[in-house]
Amino acid sequence: MSRLICIAILISMIAPIVGCGVAKDTSIQVAVKKALDDNKNISADKLIVNVKDGVVTISGELGTQKEIDLAVQVAMVVEGVVEVKNQMSLPDNYGSTDPIMNDFGLF
């Protein structure tokens, strides 16, 4: 059974117990994480996605600013998302003097 099906089953079991808001936030969290994972231009394995009342907070480290901007854009179009809070960071060595190298995540 796929991971998403298992998560959907768990959500349907938990919703009556904890209320619709939590189940909806969990559903949004799963959808945002999947959208980030599916995007080949984002290294989503280092990202943490939290949702509260439709507000998505993404934290973790990505290689370039372009990747961070794309992650915010991808999350924002997921159904149910009302806001995306960006708490992502760049690697410590990102401040290279060569912007081209930064764009490719080489520094």
PDB file of N, CA and C in Angstrom:
ATOM      1  N   MET A   1       0.857  -1.173   0.000  1.00  0.00           N
ATOM      2  CA  MET A   1       0.000   0.000   0.000  1.00  0.00           C
ATOM      3  C   MET A   1       0.903   1.235   0.000  1.00  0.00           C
ATOM      4  N   SER A   2       0.568   2.189  -0.850  1.00  0.00           N
ATOM      5  CA  SER A   2       1.434   3.360  -0.952  1.00  0.00           C
ATOM      6  C   SER A   2       1.363   4.200   0.326  1.00  0.00           C
ATOM      7  N   ARG A   3       2.389   4.968   0.521  1.00  0.00           N
ATOM      8  CA  ARG A   3       2.508   5.813   1.706  1.00  0.00           C
ATOM      9  C   ARG A   3       1.371   6.828   1.789  1.00  0.00           C
ATOM     10  N   LEU A   4       1.006   7.418   0.631  1.00  0.00           N
ATOM     11  CA  LEU A   4      -0.061   8.411   0.641  1.00  0.00           C
ATOM     12  C   LEU A   4      -1.411   7.794   0.990  1.00  0.00           C
ATOM     13  N   ILE A   5      -1.656   6.582   0.541  1.00  0.00           N
ATOM     14  CA  ILE A   5      -2.909   5.906   0.876  1.00  0.00           C
ATOM     15  C   ILE A   5      -2.956   5.636   2.375  1.00  0.00           C
ATOM     16  N   CYS A   6      -1.854   5.188   2.932  1.00  0.00           N
ATOM     17  CA  CYS A   6      -1.792   4.942   4.383  1.00  0.00           C
ATOM     18  C   CYS A   6      -2.053   6.225   5.166  1.00  0.00           C
ATOM     19  N   ILE A   7      -1.460   7.316   4.715  1.00  0.00           N
ATOM     20  CA  ILE A   7      -1.652   8.589   5.398  1.00  0.00           C
ATOM     21  C   ILE A   7      -3.112   9.030   5.284  1.00  0.00           C
ATOM     22  N   ALA A   8      -3.709   8.861   4.105  1.00  0.00           N
ATOM     23  CA  ALA A   8      -5.111   9.242   3.924  1.00  0.00           C
ATOM     24  C   ALA A   8      -6.021   8.429   4.833  1.00  0.00           C
ATOM     25  N   ILE A   9      -5.739   7.152   4.987  1.00  0.00           N
ATOM     26  CA  ILE A   9      -6.534   6.299   5.868  1.00  0.00           C
ATOM     27  C   ILE A   9      -6.389   6.769   7.314  1.00  0.00           C
ATOM     28  N   LEU A  10      -5.168   7.079   7.724  1.00  0.00           N
ATOM     29  CA  LEU A  10      -4.944   7.575   9.082  1.00  0.00           C
ATOM     30  C   LEU A  10      -5.689   8.885   9.332  1.00  0.00           C
ATOM     31  N   ILE A  11      -5.656   9.775   8.347  1.00  0.00           N
ATOM     32  CA  ILE A  11      -6.356  11.051   8.488  1.00  0.00           C
ATOM     33  C   ILE A  11      -7.845  10.820   8.670  1.00  0.00           C
ATOM     34  N   SER A  12      -8.409   9.899   7.878  1.00  0.00           N
ATOM     35  CA  SER A  12      -9.850   9.645   7.987  1.00  0.00           C
ATOM     36  C   SER A  12     -10.214   9.031   9.333  1.00  0.00           C
ATOM     37  N   MET A  13      -9.281   8.311   9.945  1.00  0.00           N
ATOM     38  CA  MET A  13      -9.541   7.722  11.252  1.00  0.00           C
ATOM     39  C   MET A  13      -9.370   8.749  12.374  1.00  0.00           C
ATOM     40  N   ILE A  14      -8.435   9.674  12.199  1.00  0.00           N
ATOM     41  CA  ILE A  14      -8.121  10.646  13.240  1.00  0.00           C
ATOM     42  C   ILE A  14      -9.105  11.811  13.235  1.00  0.00           C
ATOM     43  N   ALA A  15      -9.627  12.198  12.076  1.00  0.00           N
ATOM     44  CA  ALA A  15     -10.485  13.378  11.952  1.00  0.00           C
ATOM     45  C   ALA A  15     -11.628  13.420  12.959  1.00  0.00           C
ATOM     46  N   PRO A  16     -12.386  12.340  13.130  1.00  0.00           N
ATOM     47  CA  PRO A  16     -13.480  12.420  14.104  1.00  0.00           C
ATOM     48  C   PRO A  16     -13.002  12.583  15.546  1.00  0.00           C
ATOM     49  N   ILE A  17     -11.799  12.151  15.832  1.00  0.00           N
ATOM     50  CA  ILE A  17     -11.281  12.195  17.195  1.00  0.00           C
ATOM     51  C   ILE A  17     -10.767  13.590  17.543  1.00  0.00           C
ATOM     52  N   VAL A  18      -9.974  14.181  16.643  1.00  0.00           N
ATOM     53  CA  VAL A  18      -9.315  15.442  16.967  1.00  0.00           C
ATOM     54  C   VAL A  18      -9.947  16.660  16.304  1.00  0.00           C
ATOM     55  N   GLY A  19     -10.892  16.456  15.456  1.00  0.00           N
ATOM     56  CA  GLY A  19     -11.564  17.582  14.808  1.00  0.00           C
ATOM     57  C   GLY A  19     -11.071  17.804  13.400  1.00  0.00           C
ATOM     58  N   CYS A  20     -11.888  18.485  12.630  1.00  0.00           N
ATOM     59  CA  CYS A  20     -11.612  18.676  11.201  1.00  0.00           C
ATOM     60  C   CYS A  20     -10.399  19.557  10.938  1.00  0.00           C
ATOM     61  N   GLY A  21     -10.153  20.557  11.773  1.00  0.00           N
ATOM     62  CA  GLY A  21      -9.029  21.464  11.541  1.00  0.00           C
ATOM     63  C   GLY A  21      -7.699  20.754  11.489  1.00  0.00           C
ATOM     64  N   VAL A  22      -7.472  19.863  12.430  1.00  0.00           N
ATOM     65  CA  VAL A  22      -6.205  19.125  12.468  1.00  0.00           C
ATOM     66  C   VAL A  22      -6.098  18.211  11.263  1.00  0.00           C
ATOM     67  N   ALA A  23      -7.186  17.543  10.918  1.00  0.00           N
ATOM     68  CA  ALA A  23      -7.168  16.647   9.765  1.00  0.00           C
ATOM     69  C   ALA A  23      -6.902  17.430   8.487  1.00  0.00           C
ATOM     70  N   LYS A  24      -7.520  18.611   8.358  1.00  0.00           N
ATOM     71  CA  LYS A  24      -7.292  19.432   7.172  1.00  0.00           C
ATOM     72  C   LYS A  24      -5.842  19.885   7.099  1.00  0.00           C
ATOM     73  N   ASP A  25      -5.284  20.316   8.232  1.00  0.00           N
ATOM     74  CA  ASP A  25      -3.877  20.727   8.258  1.00  0.00           C
ATOM     75  C   ASP A  25      -2.964  19.558   7.908  1.00  0.00           C
ATOM     76  N   THR A  26      -3.275  18.379   8.395  1.00  0.00           N
ATOM     77  CA  THR A  26      -2.465  17.201   8.082  1.00  0.00           C
ATOM     78  C   THR A  26      -2.546  16.893   6.599  1.00  0.00           C
ATOM     79  N   SER A  27      -3.730  17.016   6.032  1.00  0.00           N
ATOM     80  CA  SER A  27      -3.915  16.784   4.601  1.00  0.00           C
ATOM     81  C   SER A  27      -3.110  17.794   3.780  1.00  0.00           C
ATOM     82  N   ILE A  28      -3.123  19.050   4.185  1.00  0.00           N
ATOM     83  CA  ILE A  28      -2.339  20.089   3.510  1.00  0.00           C
ATOM     84  C   ILE A  28      -0.853  19.784   3.641  1.00  0.00           C
ATOM     85  N   GLN A  29      -0.424  19.375   4.835  1.00  0.00           N
ATOM     86  CA  GLN A  29       0.984  19.053   5.068  1.00  0.00           C
ATOM     87  C   GLN A  29       1.442  17.951   4.121  1.00  0.00           C
ATOM     88  N   VAL A  30       0.645  16.904   3.989  1.00  0.00           N
ATOM     89  CA  VAL A  30       0.984  15.789   3.105  1.00  0.00           C
ATOM     90  C   VAL A  30       1.059  16.272   1.656  1.00  0.00           C
ATOM     91  N   ALA A  31       0.093  17.097   1.246  1.00  0.00           N
ATOM     92  CA  ALA A  31       0.054  17.585  -0.131  1.00  0.00           C
ATOM     93  C   ALA A  31       1.245  18.488  -0.445  1.00  0.00           C
ATOM     94  N   VAL A  32       1.616  19.361   0.497  1.00  0.00           N
ATOM     95  CA  VAL A  32       2.765  20.255   0.283  1.00  0.00           C
ATOM     96  C   VAL A  32       4.048  19.440   0.207  1.00  0.00           C
ATOM     97  N   LYS A  33       4.225  18.510   1.119  1.00  0.00           N
ATOM     98  CA  LYS A  33       5.444  17.686   1.117  1.00  0.00           C
ATOM     99  C   LYS A  33       5.549  16.906  -0.185  1.00  0.00           C
ATOM    100  N   LYS A  34       4.433  16.360  -0.660  1.00  0.00           N
ATOM    101  CA  LYS A  34       4.439  15.615  -1.925  1.00  0.00           C
ATOM    102  C   LYS A  34       4.786  16.531  -3.089  1.00  0.00           C
ATOM    103  N   ALA A  35       4.201  17.725  -3.123  1.00  0.00           N
ATOM    104  CA  ALA A  35       4.486  18.679  -4.200  1.00  0.00           C
ATOM    105  C   ALA A  35       5.967  19.059  -4.211  1.00  0.00           C
ATOM    106  N   LEU A  36       6.538  19.262  -3.040  1.00  0.00           N
ATOM    107  CA  LEU A  36       7.970  19.578  -2.952  1.00  0.00           C
ATOM    108  C   LEU A  36       8.820  18.382  -3.380  1.00  0.00           C
ATOM    109  N   ASP A  37       8.440  17.189  -2.924  1.00  0.00           N
ATOM    110  CA  ASP A  37       9.176  15.974  -3.291  1.00  0.00           C
ATOM    111  C   ASP A  37       9.124  15.724  -4.794  1.00  0.00           C
ATOM    112  N   ASP A  38       7.983  16.019  -5.413  1.00  0.00           N
ATOM    113  CA  ASP A  38       7.792  15.754  -6.839  1.00  0.00           C
ATOM    114  C   ASP A  38       8.526  16.747  -7.734  1.00  0.00           C
ATOM    115  N   ASN A  39       8.897  17.894  -7.200  1.00  0.00           N
ATOM    116  CA  ASN A  39       9.579  18.902  -8.001  1.00  0.00           C
ATOM    117  C   ASN A  39      11.064  18.566  -8.080  1.00  0.00           C
ATOM    118  N   LYS A  40      11.538  18.300  -9.278  1.00  0.00           N
ATOM    119  CA  LYS A  40      12.931  17.867  -9.485  1.00  0.00           C
ATOM    120  C   LYS A  40      13.948  18.985  -9.235  1.00  0.00           C
ATOM    121  N   ASN A  41      13.489  20.227  -9.108  1.00  0.00           N
ATOM    122  CA  ASN A  41      14.398  21.352  -8.890  1.00  0.00           C
ATOM    123  C   ASN A  41      14.535  21.739  -7.427  1.00  0.00           C
ATOM    124  N   ILE A  42      13.946  20.920  -6.544  1.00  0.00           N
ATOM    125  CA  ILE A  42      13.995  21.200  -5.107  1.00  0.00           C
ATOM    126  C   ILE A  42      14.524  19.965  -4.382  1.00  0.00           C
ATOM    127  N   SER A  43      15.520  20.148  -3.525  1.00  0.00           N
ATOM    128  CA  SER A  43      16.050  19.057  -2.696  1.00  0.00           C
ATOM    129  C   SER A  43      15.214  18.961  -1.429  1.00  0.00           C
ATOM    130  N   ALA A  44      14.004  18.442  -1.566  1.00  0.00           N
ATOM    131  CA  ALA A  44      13.013  18.485  -0.494  1.00  0.00           C
ATOM    132  C   ALA A  44      13.319  17.563   0.675  1.00  0.00           C
ATOM    133  N   ASP A  45      14.256  16.661   0.527  1.00  0.00           N
ATOM    134  CA  ASP A  45      14.552  15.725   1.612  1.00  0.00           C
ATOM    135  C   ASP A  45      15.086  16.420   2.856  1.00  0.00           C
ATOM    136  N   LYS A  46      15.544  17.653   2.722  1.00  0.00           N
ATOM    137  CA  LYS A  46      16.074  18.400   3.869  1.00  0.00           C
ATOM    138  C   LYS A  46      15.063  19.399   4.437  1.00  0.00           C
ATOM    139  N   LEU A  47      13.827  19.334   3.945  1.00  0.00           N
ATOM    140  CA  LEU A  47      12.828  20.308   4.365  1.00  0.00           C
ATOM    141  C   LEU A  47      11.847  19.721   5.367  1.00  0.00           C
ATOM    142  N   ILE A  48      11.400  20.568   6.284  1.00  0.00           N
ATOM    143  CA  ILE A  48      10.378  20.206   7.270  1.00  0.00           C
ATOM    144  C   ILE A  48       9.171  21.099   7.002  1.00  0.00           C
ATOM    145  N   VAL A  49       8.007  20.469   6.872  1.00  0.00           N
ATOM    146  CA  VAL A  49       6.774  21.197   6.580  1.00  0.00           C
ATOM    147  C   VAL A  49       5.831  21.057   7.767  1.00  0.00           C
ATOM    148  N   ASN A  50       5.391  22.190   8.301  1.00  0.00           N
ATOM    149  CA  ASN A  50       4.394  22.223   9.374  1.00  0.00           C
ATOM    150  C   ASN A  50       3.225  23.074   8.909  1.00  0.00           C
ATOM    151  N   VAL A  51       2.012  22.724   9.379  1.00  0.00           N
ATOM    152  CA  VAL A  51       0.819  23.471   8.990  1.00  0.00           C
ATOM    153  C   VAL A  51      -0.046  23.705  10.213  1.00  0.00           C
ATOM    154  N   LYS A  52      -0.526  24.940  10.353  1.00  0.00           N
ATOM    155  CA  LYS A  52      -1.453  25.307  11.422  1.00  0.00           C
ATOM    156  C   LYS A  52      -2.481  26.258  10.824  1.00  0.00           C
ATOM    157  N   ASP A  53      -3.733  25.829  10.809  1.00  0.00           N
ATOM    158  CA  ASP A  53      -4.822  26.630  10.262  1.00  0.00           C
ATOM    159  C   ASP A  53      -4.566  27.062   8.817  1.00  0.00           C
ATOM    160  N   GLY A  54      -3.985  26.187   8.028  1.00  0.00           N
ATOM    161  CA  GLY A  54      -3.720  26.466   6.620  1.00  0.00           C
ATOM    162  C   GLY A  54      -2.456  27.261   6.363  1.00  0.00           C
ATOM    163  N   VAL A  55      -1.778  27.702   7.419  1.00  0.00           N
ATOM    164  CA  VAL A  55      -0.521  28.441   7.283  1.00  0.00           C
ATOM    165  C   VAL A  55       0.622  27.430   7.293  1.00  0.00           C
ATOM    166  N   VAL A  56       1.356  27.378   6.188  1.00  0.00           N
ATOM    167  CA  VAL A  56       2.442  26.422   6.011  1.00  0.00           C
ATOM    168  C   VAL A  56       3.759  27.082   6.396  1.00  0.00           C
ATOM    169  N   THR A  57       4.525  26.420   7.238  1.00  0.00           N
ATOM    170  CA  THR A  57       5.866  26.871   7.592  1.00  0.00           C
ATOM    171  C   THR A  57       6.841  25.838   7.061  1.00  0.00           C
ATOM    172  N   ILE A  58       7.769  26.295   6.228  1.00  0.00           N
ATOM    173  CA  ILE A  58       8.777  25.406   5.668  1.00  0.00           C
ATOM    174  C   ILE A  58      10.125  25.806   6.250  1.00  0.00           C
ATOM    175  N   SER A  59      10.805  24.834   6.844  1.00  0.00           N
ATOM    176  CA  SER A  59      12.142  25.085   7.390  1.00  0.00           C
ATOM    177  C   SER A  59      13.091  24.036   6.835  1.00  0.00           C
ATOM    178  N   GLY A  60      14.364  24.309   7.002  1.00  0.00           N
ATOM    179  CA  GLY A  60      15.394  23.409   6.498  1.00  0.00           C
ATOM    180  C   GLY A  60      16.359  24.181   5.630  1.00  0.00           C
ATOM    181  N   GLU A  61      17.282  23.469   5.022  1.00  0.00           N
ATOM    182  CA  GLU A  61      18.330  24.104   4.227  1.00  0.00           C
ATOM    183  C   GLU A  61      18.237  23.667   2.776  1.00  0.00           C
ATOM    184  N   LEU A  62      18.353  24.657   1.875  1.00  0.00           N
ATOM    185  CA  LEU A  62      18.414  24.388   0.444  1.00  0.00           C
ATOM    186  C   LEU A  62      19.678  25.013  -0.115  1.00  0.00           C
ATOM    187  N   GLY A  63      20.073  24.597  -1.309  1.00  0.00           N
ATOM    188  CA  GLY A  63      21.354  24.994  -1.873  1.00  0.00           C
ATOM    189  C   GLY A  63      21.434  26.392  -2.443  1.00  0.00           C
ATOM    190  N   THR A  64      20.313  26.920  -2.957  1.00  0.00           N
ATOM    191  CA  THR A  64      20.337  28.247  -3.573  1.00  0.00           C
ATOM    192  C   THR A  64      19.083  29.028  -3.199  1.00  0.00           C
ATOM    193  N   GLN A  65      19.165  30.333  -3.384  1.00  0.00           N
ATOM    194  CA  GLN A  65      17.995  31.182  -3.148  1.00  0.00           C
ATOM    195  C   GLN A  65      16.894  30.861  -4.147  1.00  0.00           C
ATOM    196  N   LYS A  66      17.273  30.520  -5.383  1.00  0.00           N
ATOM    197  CA  LYS A  66      16.275  30.158  -6.391  1.00  0.00           C
ATOM    198  C   LYS A  66      15.480  28.936  -5.937  1.00  0.00           C
ATOM    199  N   GLU A  67      16.152  27.978  -5.327  1.00  0.00           N
ATOM    200  CA  GLU A  67      15.495  26.777  -4.832  1.00  0.00           C
ATOM    201  C   GLU A  67      14.522  27.118  -3.690  1.00  0.00           C
ATOM    202  N   ILE A  68      14.915  28.025  -2.816  1.00  0.00           N
ATOM    203  CA  ILE A  68      14.046  28.469  -1.721  1.00  0.00           C
ATOM    204  C   ILE A  68      12.813  29.168  -2.280  1.00  0.00           C
ATOM    205  N   ASP A  69      13.023  30.085  -3.230  1.00  0.00           N
ATOM    206  CA  ASP A  69      11.901  30.807  -3.836  1.00  0.00           C
ATOM    207  C   ASP A  69      10.937  29.837  -4.516  1.00  0.00           C
ATOM    208  N   LEU A  70      11.472  28.837  -5.204  1.00  0.00           N
ATOM    209  CA  LEU A  70      10.640  27.851  -5.882  1.00  0.00           C
ATOM    210  C   LEU A  70       9.842  27.027  -4.873  1.00  0.00           C
ATOM    211  N   ALA A  71      10.455  26.654  -3.769  1.00  0.00           N
ATOM    212  CA  ALA A  71       9.753  25.885  -2.740  1.00  0.00           C
ATOM    213  C   ALA A  71       8.556  26.660  -2.202  1.00  0.00           C
ATOM    214  N   VAL A  72       8.717  27.962  -1.984  1.00  0.00           N
ATOM    215  CA  VAL A  72       7.614  28.800  -1.511  1.00  0.00           C
ATOM    216  C   VAL A  72       6.511  28.835  -2.561  1.00  0.00           C
ATOM    217  N   GLN A  73       6.872  29.003  -3.829  1.00  0.00           N
ATOM    218  CA  GLN A  73       5.887  29.050  -4.908  1.00  0.00           C
ATOM    219  C   GLN A  73       5.125  27.736  -5.025  1.00  0.00           C
ATOM    220  N   VAL A  74       5.838  26.621  -4.950  1.00  0.00           N
ATOM    221  CA  VAL A  74       5.210  25.298  -5.060  1.00  0.00           C
ATOM    222  C   VAL A  74       4.213  25.088  -3.924  1.00  0.00           C
ATOM    223  N   ALA A  75       4.608  25.457  -2.710  1.00  0.00           N
ATOM    224  CA  ALA A  75       3.729  25.278  -1.555  1.00  0.00           C
ATOM    225  C   ALA A  75       2.491  26.169  -1.649  1.00  0.00           C
ATOM    226  N   MET A  76       2.659  27.370  -2.161  1.00  0.00           N
ATOM    227  CA  MET A  76       1.569  28.336  -2.180  1.00  0.00           C
ATOM    228  C   MET A  76       0.409  27.892  -3.060  1.00  0.00           C
ATOM    229  N   VAL A  77       0.659  27.102  -4.084  1.00  0.00           N
ATOM    230  CA  VAL A  77      -0.419  26.710  -5.000  1.00  0.00           C
ATOM    231  C   VAL A  77      -1.155  25.447  -4.554  1.00  0.00           C
ATOM    232  N   VAL A  78      -0.727  24.841  -3.458  1.00  0.00           N
ATOM    233  CA  VAL A  78      -1.410  23.648  -2.954  1.00  0.00           C
ATOM    234  C   VAL A  78      -2.763  24.064  -2.375  1.00  0.00           C
ATOM    235  N   GLU A  79      -3.783  23.316  -2.711  1.00  0.00           N
ATOM    236  CA  GLU A  79      -5.135  23.636  -2.246  1.00  0.00           C
ATOM    237  C   GLU A  79      -5.198  23.652  -0.717  1.00  0.00           C
ATOM    238  N   GLY A  80      -5.804  24.703  -0.176  1.00  0.00           N
ATOM    239  CA  GLY A  80      -5.970  24.835   1.264  1.00  0.00           C
ATOM    240  C   GLY A  80      -4.914  25.700   1.933  1.00  0.00           C
ATOM    241  N   VAL A  81      -3.820  25.978   1.237  1.00  0.00           N
ATOM    242  CA  VAL A  81      -2.751  26.808   1.799  1.00  0.00           C
ATOM    243  C   VAL A  81      -3.191  28.270   1.756  1.00  0.00           C
ATOM    244  N   VAL A  82      -3.142  28.929   2.909  1.00  0.00           N
ATOM    245  CA  VAL A  82      -3.528  30.339   2.963  1.00  0.00           C
ATOM    246  C   VAL A  82      -2.313  31.266   3.041  1.00  0.00           C
ATOM    247  N   GLU A  83      -1.199  30.732   3.497  1.00  0.00           N
ATOM    248  CA  GLU A  83       0.038  31.517   3.623  1.00  0.00           C
ATOM    249  C   GLU A  83       1.208  30.551   3.728  1.00  0.00           C
ATOM    250  N   VAL A  84       2.372  30.990   3.251  1.00  0.00           N
ATOM    251  CA  VAL A  84       3.593  30.199   3.400  1.00  0.00           C
ATOM    252  C   VAL A  84       4.607  31.044   4.139  1.00  0.00           C
ATOM    253  N   LYS A  85       5.084  30.530   5.273  1.00  0.00           N
ATOM    254  CA  LYS A  85       6.143  31.191   6.040  1.00  0.00           C
ATOM    255  C   LYS A  85       7.452  30.502   5.694  1.00  0.00           C
ATOM    256  N   ASN A  86       8.385  31.291   5.232  1.00  0.00           N
ATOM    257  CA  ASN A  86       9.682  30.783   4.801  1.00  0.00           C
ATOM    258  C   ASN A  86      10.693  30.867   5.942  1.00  0.00           C
ATOM    259  N   GLN A  87      11.065  29.708   6.474  1.00  0.00           N
ATOM    260  CA  GLN A  87      12.118  29.653   7.480  1.00  0.00           C
ATOM    261  C   GLN A  87      13.293  28.826   6.963  1.00  0.00           C
ATOM    262  N   MET A  88      13.400  28.751   5.631  1.00  0.00           N
ATOM    263  CA  MET A  88      14.492  27.994   5.019  1.00  0.00           C
ATOM    264  C   MET A  88      15.771  28.821   5.041  1.00  0.00           C
ATOM    265  N   SER A  89      16.885  28.130   4.993  1.00  0.00           N
ATOM    266  CA  SER A  89      18.170  28.813   5.033  1.00  0.00           C
ATOM    267  C   SER A  89      19.075  28.274   3.934  1.00  0.00           C
ATOM    268  N   LEU A  90      20.147  29.018   3.699  1.00  0.00           N
ATOM    269  CA  LEU A  90      21.178  28.621   2.745  1.00  0.00           C
ATOM    270  C   LEU A  90      22.353  28.027   3.502  1.00  0.00           C
ATOM    271  N   PRO A  91      23.178  27.236   2.837  1.00  0.00           N
ATOM    272  CA  PRO A  91      24.352  26.676   3.519  1.00  0.00           C
ATOM    273  C   PRO A  91      25.293  27.788   3.999  1.00  0.00           C
ATOM    274  N   ASP A  92      26.055  27.500   5.024  1.00  0.00           N
ATOM    275  CA  ASP A  92      26.994  28.483   5.580  1.00  0.00           C
ATOM    276  C   ASP A  92      27.969  29.009   4.540  1.00  0.00           C
ATOM    277  N   ASN A  93      28.346  28.192   3.570  1.00  0.00           N
ATOM    278  CA  ASN A  93      29.338  28.602   2.565  1.00  0.00           C
ATOM    279  C   ASN A  93      28.688  29.250   1.347  1.00  0.00           C
ATOM    280  N   TYR A  94      27.434  29.650   1.445  1.00  0.00           N
ATOM    281  CA  TYR A  94      26.728  30.235   0.308  1.00  0.00           C
ATOM    282  C   TYR A  94      27.288  31.594  -0.090  1.00  0.00           C
ATOM    283  N   GLY A  95      27.919  32.325   0.756  1.00  0.00           N
ATOM    284  CA  GLY A  95      28.361  33.691   0.496  1.00  0.00           C
ATOM    285  C   GLY A  95      29.563  33.820  -0.405  1.00  0.00           C
ATOM    286  N   SER A  96      29.777  32.942  -1.323  1.00  0.00           N
ATOM    287  CA  SER A  96      30.888  33.029  -2.261  1.00  0.00           C
ATOM    288  C   SER A  96      30.815  34.346  -3.030  1.00  0.00           C
ATOM    289  N   THR A  97      31.951  34.809  -3.510  1.00  0.00           N
ATOM    290  CA  THR A  97      31.979  36.052  -4.281  1.00  0.00           C
ATOM    291  C   THR A  97      31.545  35.822  -5.725  1.00  0.00           C
ATOM    292  N   ASP A  98      31.355  34.591  -6.142  1.00  0.00           N
ATOM    293  CA  ASP A  98      30.962  34.281  -7.507  1.00  0.00           C
ATOM    294  C   ASP A  98      29.482  33.900  -7.547  1.00  0.00           C
ATOM    295  N   PRO A  99      28.593  34.817  -7.975  1.00  0.00           N
ATOM    296  CA  PRO A  99      27.159  34.531  -7.945  1.00  0.00           C
ATOM    297  C   PRO A  99      26.752  33.370  -8.842  1.00  0.00           C
ATOM    298  N   ILE A 100      27.491  33.146  -9.927  1.00  0.00           N
ATOM    299  CA  ILE A 100      27.166  32.017 -10.810  1.00  0.00           C
ATOM    300  C   ILE A 100      27.379  30.710 -10.063  1.00  0.00           C
ATOM    301  N   MET A 101      28.442  30.608  -9.316  1.00  0.00           N
ATOM    302  CA  MET A 101      28.700  29.401  -8.539  1.00  0.00           C
ATOM    303  C   MET A 101      27.612  29.207  -7.488  1.00  0.00           C
ATOM    304  N   ASN A 102      27.143  30.289  -6.884  1.00  0.00           N
ATOM    305  CA  ASN A 102      26.061  30.208  -5.895  1.00  0.00           C
ATOM    306  C   ASN A 102      24.790  29.668  -6.538  1.00  0.00           C
ATOM    307  N   ASP A 103      24.460  30.144  -7.742  1.00  0.00           N
ATOM    308  CA  ASP A 103      23.229  29.703  -8.411  1.00  0.00           C
ATOM    309  C   ASP A 103      23.226  28.203  -8.656  1.00  0.00           C
ATOM    310  N   PHE A 104      24.384  27.631  -8.845  1.00  0.00           N
ATOM    311  CA  PHE A 104      24.469  26.198  -9.080  1.00  0.00           C
ATOM    312  C   PHE A 104      24.740  25.416  -7.808  1.00  0.00           C
ATOM    313  N   GLY A 105      24.752  26.106  -6.676  1.00  0.00           N
ATOM    314  CA  GLY A 105      24.950  25.441  -5.403  1.00  0.00           C
ATOM    315  C   GLY A 105      26.354  24.892  -5.220  1.00  0.00           C
ATOM    316  N   LEU A 106      27.314  25.465  -5.924  1.00  0.00           N
ATOM    317  CA  LEU A 106      28.687  24.954  -5.858  1.00  0.00           C
ATOM    318  C   LEU A 106      29.476  25.570  -4.719  1.00  0.00           C
ATOM    319  N   PHE A 107      28.995  26.649  -4.142  1.00  0.00           N
ATOM    320  CA  PHE A 107      29.666  27.290  -2.996  1.00  0.00           C
ATOM    321  C   PHE A 107      28.650  27.567  -1.943  1.00  0.00           C
TER     322      PHE A 107
END
